[in-house]
Amino acid sequence: MNVERNAELSAMYPDAVGNIVHVDLADGRRLTKRVDYPLGNAKNRLKDSAVEGKFLGLVERIIGETRAKKIIELAWKLDEAKNVDALMQALQIPEKK
């Protein structure tokens, strides 16, 4: 693997966080992909379902599907909540003995 700084991409920062990836194949071909706004960037936002999927993928095996989905539900309704108590309680992980 070789990592090189690209002056053009660096000059775009912080408006863009560009990267160019080259993959050299065994048959001699080179595949190239440039992305100026990676997924999750303000100009290439994740859909709500993708955010939920990422969260579930990271926490479901630790806290279970039911609890993870409850946290998602509480988080999406934060703007309607009087306080964050229910979310904070749902986020607590009991200490192991």
Foldseek 3Di string as FASTA:
>chain_A
DDDDDDPVLVVCPPVWNKDKDWDQDPVGDIDIDIDGHDECRPVRYDDLVVVLVVQCVVPCVPLNDVLSVVLSVCVVCVVVDPDCVVNVVSPDDDDDD
